[in-house]
C-alpha atoms as a PDB file:
ATOM      1  CA  LEU A   1      15.188  30.564 -22.043  1.00  0.00           C
ATOM      2  CA  ALA A   2      11.357  30.917 -22.788  1.00  0.00           C
ATOM      3  CA  THR A   3      11.271  27.709 -24.910  1.00  0.00           C
ATOM      4  CA  PRO A   4       9.515  25.449 -23.557  1.00  0.00           C
ATOM      5  CA  ILE A   5      10.889  22.020 -22.142  1.00  0.00           C
ATOM      6  CA  MET A   6      10.044  18.769 -22.081  1.00  0.00           C
ATOM      7  CA  ILE A   7      11.336  16.005 -19.039  1.00  0.00           C
ATOM      8  CA  ASP A   8      11.939  12.781 -20.601  1.00  0.00           C
ATOM      9  CA  TYR A   9      10.619  11.025 -16.481  1.00  0.00           C
ATOM     10  CA  ALA A  10      11.623   7.257 -18.807  1.00  0.00           C
ATOM     11  CA  ASP A  11      15.126   8.685 -18.329  1.00  0.00           C
ATOM     12  CA  PRO A  12      16.684   7.792 -15.016  1.00  0.00           C
ATOM     13  CA  ARG A  13      18.414  10.835 -14.476  1.00  0.00           C
ATOM     14  CA  ASN A  14      15.218  12.430 -14.131  1.00  0.00           C
ATOM     15  CA  ARG A  15      13.552  10.504 -11.434  1.00  0.00           C
ATOM     16  CA  ASN A  16      13.984  12.563  -8.254  1.00  0.00           C
ATOM     17  CA  GLY A  17      10.981  11.256  -6.933  1.00  0.00           C
ATOM     18  CA  ILE A  18      10.027   9.183  -3.729  1.00  0.00           C
ATOM     19  CA  ASP A  19       9.959   5.734  -3.573  1.00  0.00           C
ATOM     20  CA  ILE A  20       6.611   3.745  -2.228  1.00  0.00           C
ATOM     21  CA  VAL A  21       5.228   0.162  -1.775  1.00  0.00           C
ATOM     22  CA  LEU A  22       2.031  -0.773  -1.411  1.00  0.00           C
ATOM     23  CA  SER A  23       1.152  -3.101   1.085  1.00  0.00           C
ATOM     24  CA  LEU A  24      -2.276  -4.574   0.249  1.00  0.00           C
ATOM     25  CA  ASP A  25      -4.382  -6.804   2.485  1.00  0.00           C
ATOM     26  CA  GLY A  26      -5.238 -10.054   0.422  1.00  0.00           C
ATOM     27  CA  SER A  27      -6.787 -12.076   3.356  1.00  0.00           C
ATOM     28  CA  GLY A  28     -10.150 -13.820   2.897  1.00  0.00           C
ATOM     29  CA  SER A  29     -12.295 -10.670   4.607  1.00  0.00           C
ATOM     30  CA  MET A  30     -11.386  -8.762   1.368  1.00  0.00           C
ATOM     31  CA  ASN A  31     -13.748 -11.009  -0.888  1.00  0.00           C
ATOM     32  CA  ALA A  32     -16.512  -8.975   1.322  1.00  0.00           C
ATOM     33  CA  SER A  33     -18.945  -7.575  -1.279  1.00  0.00           C
ATOM     34  CA  GLY A  34     -20.571  -4.177  -0.972  1.00  0.00           C
ATOM     35  CA  PHE A  35     -17.526  -1.728  -0.310  1.00  0.00           C
ATOM     36  CA  SER A  36     -18.492   0.292  -3.724  1.00  0.00           C
ATOM     37  CA  LYS A  37     -22.292   1.958  -4.108  1.00  0.00           C
ATOM     38  CA  GLU A  38     -21.815   2.157  -7.487  1.00  0.00           C
ATOM     39  CA  GLU A  39     -20.484  -1.705  -8.140  1.00  0.00           C
ATOM     40  CA  PRO A  40     -22.170  -3.353  -5.064  1.00  0.00           C
ATOM     41  CA  ARG A  41     -20.706  -6.730  -6.433  1.00  0.00           C
ATOM     42  CA  LEU A  42     -17.054  -6.118  -6.852  1.00  0.00           C
ATOM     43  CA  SER A  43     -14.919  -7.492  -3.697  1.00  0.00           C
ATOM     44  CA  ARG A  44     -13.095  -5.347  -1.932  1.00  0.00           C
ATOM     45  CA  PHE A  45      -9.863  -6.662  -3.032  1.00  0.00           C
ATOM     46  CA  GLU A  46     -11.639  -5.452  -6.690  1.00  0.00           C
ATOM     47  CA  VAL A  47     -12.563  -2.045  -5.471  1.00  0.00           C
ATOM     48  CA  VAL A  48      -8.894  -1.516  -3.753  1.00  0.00           C
ATOM     49  CA  GLN A  49      -7.074  -3.104  -7.256  1.00  0.00           C
ATOM     50  CA  LYS A  50      -8.902  -0.597  -8.933  1.00  0.00           C
ATOM     51  CA  ILE A  51      -7.994   2.474  -7.008  1.00  0.00           C
ATOM     52  CA  ALA A  52      -4.163   1.187  -5.987  1.00  0.00           C
ATOM     53  CA  SER A  53      -3.816   0.886 -10.208  1.00  0.00           C
ATOM     54  CA  ASP A  54      -4.676   4.537 -10.694  1.00  0.00           C
ATOM     55  CA  PHE A  55      -2.774   5.544  -7.846  1.00  0.00           C
ATOM     56  CA  VAL A  56       0.553   4.261  -8.911  1.00  0.00           C
ATOM     57  CA  MET A  57      -0.039   5.298 -12.716  1.00  0.00           C
ATOM     58  CA  LYS A  58      -0.240   8.980 -11.201  1.00  0.00           C
ATOM     59  CA  ARG A  59       3.044   8.490  -9.643  1.00  0.00           C
ATOM     60  CA  ILE A  60       4.715  10.323 -12.507  1.00  0.00           C
ATOM     61  CA  GLU A  61       8.137  11.118 -10.713  1.00  0.00           C
ATOM     62  CA  ASP A  62       7.906   7.879  -8.102  1.00  0.00           C
ATOM     63  CA  ASN A  63       9.017   4.593  -8.436  1.00  0.00           C
ATOM     64  CA  VAL A  64       6.388   2.166  -6.784  1.00  0.00           C
ATOM     65  CA  GLY A  65       5.987  -1.601  -6.015  1.00  0.00           C
ATOM     66  CA  VAL A  66       3.727  -3.862  -4.347  1.00  0.00           C
ATOM     67  CA  VAL A  67       3.559  -6.273  -1.378  1.00  0.00           C
ATOM     68  CA  LEU A  68       0.718  -8.369  -0.483  1.00  0.00           C
ATOM     69  CA  PHE A  69       0.045  -9.873   2.819  1.00  0.00           C
ATOM     70  CA  GLY A  70      -2.242 -12.288   4.545  1.00  0.00           C
ATOM     71  CA  ASP A  71      -1.018 -15.545   6.466  1.00  0.00           C
ATOM     72  CA  PHE A  72       2.341 -14.150   5.165  1.00  0.00           C
ATOM     73  CA  ALA A  73       3.724 -11.392   2.855  1.00  0.00           C
ATOM     74  CA  PHE A  74       5.379 -11.453  -0.427  1.00  0.00           C
ATOM     75  CA  ILE A  75       6.897  -9.044  -2.732  1.00  0.00           C
ATOM     76  CA  ALA A  76       4.348  -8.690  -6.101  1.00  0.00           C
ATOM     77  CA  THR A  77       6.376  -6.056  -7.366  1.00  0.00           C
ATOM     78  CA  PRO A  78       9.861  -4.918  -6.652  1.00  0.00           C
ATOM     79  CA  VAL A  79      10.294  -0.968  -6.399  1.00  0.00           C
ATOM     80  CA  THR A  80      10.368   0.154  -9.787  1.00  0.00           C
ATOM     81  CA  TYR A  81       9.575   2.944 -11.916  1.00  0.00           C
ATOM     82  CA  GLU A  82       7.959   0.890 -14.749  1.00  0.00           C
ATOM     83  CA  LYS A  83       4.274   2.177 -13.809  1.00  0.00           C
ATOM     84  CA  GLU A  84       2.449  -0.739 -16.355  1.00  0.00           C
ATOM     85  CA  ILE A  85       3.832  -3.110 -15.053  1.00  0.00           C
ATOM     86  CA  VAL A  86       3.181  -2.567 -11.389  1.00  0.00           C
ATOM     87  CA  SER A  87      -0.249  -1.669 -12.540  1.00  0.00           C
ATOM     88  CA  GLU A  88      -0.830  -4.513 -14.562  1.00  0.00           C
ATOM     89  CA  MET A  89       0.905  -6.954 -11.694  1.00  0.00           C
ATOM     90  CA  ILE A  90      -2.007  -5.536  -9.535  1.00  0.00           C
ATOM     91  CA  GLY A  91      -4.887  -6.816 -11.602  1.00  0.00           C
ATOM     92  CA  TYR A  92      -3.081 -10.045 -11.626  1.00  0.00           C
ATOM     93  CA  LEU A  93      -3.505 -10.329  -7.964  1.00  0.00           C
ATOM     94  CA  ASN A  94      -6.146 -12.070  -5.805  1.00  0.00           C
ATOM     95  CA  HIS A  95      -7.647 -12.327  -2.600  1.00  0.00           C
ATOM     96  CA  GLY A  96      -6.210 -15.474  -0.499  1.00  0.00           C
ATOM     97  CA  MET A  97      -3.141 -16.063  -2.359  1.00  0.00           C
ATOM     98  CA  ALA A  98      -1.162 -15.107   0.643  1.00  0.00           C
ATOM     99  CA  GLY A  99      -3.742 -17.424   2.739  1.00  0.00           C
ATOM    100  CA  GLN A 100      -7.057 -16.148   4.632  1.00  0.00           C
ATOM    101  CA  ASN A 101      -5.389 -14.130   7.540  1.00  0.00           C
ATOM    102  CA  THR A 102      -3.732 -10.715   8.503  1.00  0.00           C
ATOM    103  CA  ALA A 103      -0.090 -10.391   9.445  1.00  0.00           C
ATOM    104  CA  ILE A 104       0.008  -6.519   9.340  1.00  0.00           C
ATOM    105  CA  GLY A 105       3.591  -6.806  10.841  1.00  0.00           C
ATOM    106  CA  GLU A 106       4.395  -9.187   8.137  1.00  0.00           C
ATOM    107  CA  GLY A 107       3.163  -7.016   5.450  1.00  0.00           C
ATOM    108  CA  ILE A 108       5.062  -3.882   6.797  1.00  0.00           C
ATOM    109  CA  ALA A 109       7.977  -5.855   7.429  1.00  0.00           C
ATOM    110  CA  MET A 110       8.191  -7.034   3.936  1.00  0.00           C
ATOM    111  CA  GLY A 111       7.544  -3.652   2.601  1.00  0.00           C
ATOM    112  CA  VAL A 112      10.584  -2.597   4.503  1.00  0.00           C
ATOM    113  CA  ARG A 113      12.556  -5.473   2.650  1.00  0.00           C
ATOM    114  CA  ALA A 114      11.387  -3.915  -0.584  1.00  0.00           C
ATOM    115  CA  LEU A 115      12.650  -0.705   0.017  1.00  0.00           C
ATOM    116  CA  ARG A 116      16.256  -1.864   1.389  1.00  0.00           C
ATOM    117  CA  ASP A 117      18.198  -0.879  -1.394  1.00  0.00           C
ATOM    118  CA  SER A 118      16.577   2.037  -1.977  1.00  0.00           C
ATOM    119  CA  LYS A 119      18.835   5.592  -2.825  1.00  0.00           C
ATOM    120  CA  ALA A 120      15.586   8.084  -2.359  1.00  0.00           C
ATOM    121  CA  LYS A 121      15.788  10.725   0.148  1.00  0.00           C
ATOM    122  CA  SER A 122      12.013   9.949   0.753  1.00  0.00           C
ATOM    123  CA  LYS A 123      11.142   6.485   1.428  1.00  0.00           C
ATOM    124  CA  VAL A 124       7.063   5.347   2.014  1.00  0.00           C
ATOM    125  CA  ILE A 125       4.678   2.408   2.782  1.00  0.00           C
ATOM    126  CA  ILE A 126       1.232   2.780   2.634  1.00  0.00           C
ATOM    127  CA  LEU A 127      -0.470  -0.173   4.038  1.00  0.00           C
ATOM    128  CA  LEU A 128      -4.176  -0.965   3.430  1.00  0.00           C
ATOM    129  CA  THR A 129      -6.345  -3.965   5.876  1.00  0.00           C
ATOM    130  CA  ASP A 130      -9.678  -4.320   6.583  1.00  0.00           C
ATOM    131  CA  GLY A 131      -8.882  -6.776   9.444  1.00  0.00           C
ATOM    132  CA  GLU A 132      -6.912  -7.018  12.681  1.00  0.00           C
ATOM    133  CA  HIS A 133      -3.624  -8.448  13.063  1.00  0.00           C
ATOM    134  CA  ASN A 134      -3.894 -12.375  14.149  1.00  0.00           C
ATOM    135  CA  SER A 135      -1.199 -14.110  11.907  1.00  0.00           C
ATOM    136  CA  GLY A 136       2.650 -13.785  10.937  1.00  0.00           C
ATOM    137  CA  SER A 137       5.924 -14.532  12.989  1.00  0.00           C
ATOM    138  CA  ILE A 138       6.395 -10.636  13.349  1.00  0.00           C
ATOM    139  CA  SER A 139       4.154  -8.622  15.589  1.00  0.00           C
ATOM    140  CA  PRO A 140       3.430  -5.033  14.409  1.00  0.00           C
ATOM    141  CA  LYS A 141       5.111  -3.376  16.868  1.00  0.00           C
ATOM    142  CA  GLU A 142       8.843  -5.244  16.255  1.00  0.00           C
ATOM    143  CA  ALA A 143       7.280  -4.193  12.279  1.00  0.00           C
ATOM    144  CA  VAL A 144       7.573  -0.381  13.002  1.00  0.00           C
ATOM    145  CA  ALA A 145      10.617  -0.291  14.681  1.00  0.00           C
ATOM    146  CA  MET A 146      12.331  -1.937  11.722  1.00  0.00           C
ATOM    147  CA  VAL A 147      10.245   1.176   9.538  1.00  0.00           C
ATOM    148  CA  GLY A 148      12.108   3.673  12.264  1.00  0.00           C
ATOM    149  CA  LYS A 149      15.316   2.296  11.623  1.00  0.00           C
ATOM    150  CA  GLU A 150      15.296   2.407   7.631  1.00  0.00           C
ATOM    151  CA  HIS A 151      14.156   5.986   8.003  1.00  0.00           C
ATOM    152  CA  ILE A 152      10.688   5.174   6.188  1.00  0.00           C
ATOM    153  CA  ARG A 153       7.523   6.606   6.680  1.00  0.00           C
ATOM    154  CA  LEU A 154       4.485   5.068   6.917  1.00  0.00           C
ATOM    155  CA  TYR A 155       0.864   5.706   6.062  1.00  0.00           C
ATOM    156  CA  THR A 156      -1.846   3.461   7.266  1.00  0.00           C
ATOM    157  CA  ILE A 157      -5.504   2.730   5.995  1.00  0.00           C
ATOM    158  CA  GLY A 158      -8.368   0.854   7.654  1.00  0.00           C
ATOM    159  CA  ILE A 159     -11.281   0.493   4.916  1.00  0.00           C
ATOM    160  CA  GLY A 160     -14.845  -1.451   5.657  1.00  0.00           C
ATOM    161  CA  GLN A 161     -17.509  -0.570   8.433  1.00  0.00           C
ATOM    162  CA  LYS A 162     -16.151   1.040  12.011  1.00  0.00           C
ATOM    163  CA  GLY A 163     -15.025  -2.201  14.005  1.00  0.00           C
ATOM    164  CA  GLU A 164     -13.723  -4.573  11.368  1.00  0.00           C
ATOM    165  CA  PHE A 165     -10.255  -2.922  11.368  1.00  0.00           C
ATOM    166  CA  ASP A 166      -8.012  -2.033  14.344  1.00  0.00           C
ATOM    167  CA  ASN A 167      -8.545   1.157  14.732  1.00  0.00           C
ATOM    168  CA  ALA A 168      -6.097   1.784  17.613  1.00  0.00           C
ATOM    169  CA  LEU A 169      -3.298  -0.315  16.229  1.00  0.00           C
ATOM    170  CA  LEU A 170      -3.104   1.008  12.299  1.00  0.00           C
ATOM    171  CA  LYS A 171      -3.285   5.311  14.358  1.00  0.00           C
ATOM    172  CA  GLN A 172      -0.089   3.920  16.744  1.00  0.00           C
ATOM    173  CA  LEU A 173       1.850   2.415  13.718  1.00  0.00           C
ATOM    174  CA  ALA A 174       1.065   5.608  11.575  1.00  0.00           C
ATOM    175  CA  HIS A 175       2.327   7.505  14.375  1.00  0.00           C
ATOM    176  CA  ASP A 176       5.337   5.525  15.489  1.00  0.00           C
ATOM    177  CA  GLY A 177       6.106   5.568  11.663  1.00  0.00           C
ATOM    178  CA  HIS A 178       5.703   9.313  11.529  1.00  0.00           C
ATOM    179  CA  GLY A 179       3.005   9.303   8.725  1.00  0.00           C
ATOM    180  CA  LYS A 180      -0.608   9.562   8.841  1.00  0.00           C
ATOM    181  CA  PHE A 181      -3.648   6.993   9.455  1.00  0.00           C
ATOM    182  CA  PHE A 182      -6.976   7.263   7.147  1.00  0.00           C
ATOM    183  CA  ALA A 183     -10.250   5.426   7.557  1.00  0.00           C
ATOM    184  CA  ALA A 184     -12.326   5.068   4.171  1.00  0.00           C
ATOM    185  CA  ALA A 185     -15.943   3.476   4.865  1.00  0.00           C
ATOM    186  CA  ASN A 186     -16.507   2.899   0.956  1.00  0.00           C
ATOM    187  CA  GLU A 187     -14.883   3.322  -2.553  1.00  0.00           C
ATOM    188  CA  LYS A 188     -15.194   6.764  -2.389  1.00  0.00           C
ATOM    189  CA  GLU A 189     -13.527   7.709   0.818  1.00  0.00           C
ATOM    190  CA  LEU A 190     -10.839   5.636  -0.056  1.00  0.00           C
ATOM    191  CA  GLN A 191     -10.141   7.122  -3.412  1.00  0.00           C
ATOM    192  CA  SER A 192      -9.999  10.651  -1.254  1.00  0.00           C
ATOM    193  CA  VAL A 193      -7.317   8.837   0.785  1.00  0.00           C
ATOM    194  CA  TYR A 194      -4.965   8.012  -2.146  1.00  0.00           C
ATOM    195  CA  ASP A 195      -5.647  11.521  -3.521  1.00  0.00           C
ATOM    196  CA  GLU A 196      -5.231  13.059  -0.376  1.00  0.00           C
ATOM    197  CA  ILE A 197      -1.431  10.943   0.297  1.00  0.00           C
END
């Protein structure tokens, strides 16, 4: 009994974690630079890619998927245990791939769709944006109602300077989605947010 044991997390029977969808803003404003003090030339999107990839690789027992949203939203990777593939796919994404605007409602709704077949006891969407909802056919209010119906917890992250993102909306969405709202003005703060989550 005292012998050390190893758990093979590659075995599906040992995957008892949570299912997570990272819903990332890929709008035009994510091309702005200066978010990282260490690497000021990097765009916000490039900084987010780096931190999100790191977050994915740390989720040892969990399944992770990625949604990108702009004018519309799409599932970049389905919810899967294959962390390397998810991390690699995040690296292939680009701001502007889904258009220049910010469809927050679509970003949440597509996250719900990605989790629809999930059998996990705990399901989470982590939505990140640097803007205000200004596009898409689904309102944030409608989207958060879908989150509640599917028993998903919604975390929201606003990045950039005060006034750039809709603080009140993101707070309300996190509250209604039984999650938590975070704000990050730079790369270091964003890293701390993902560490806390």
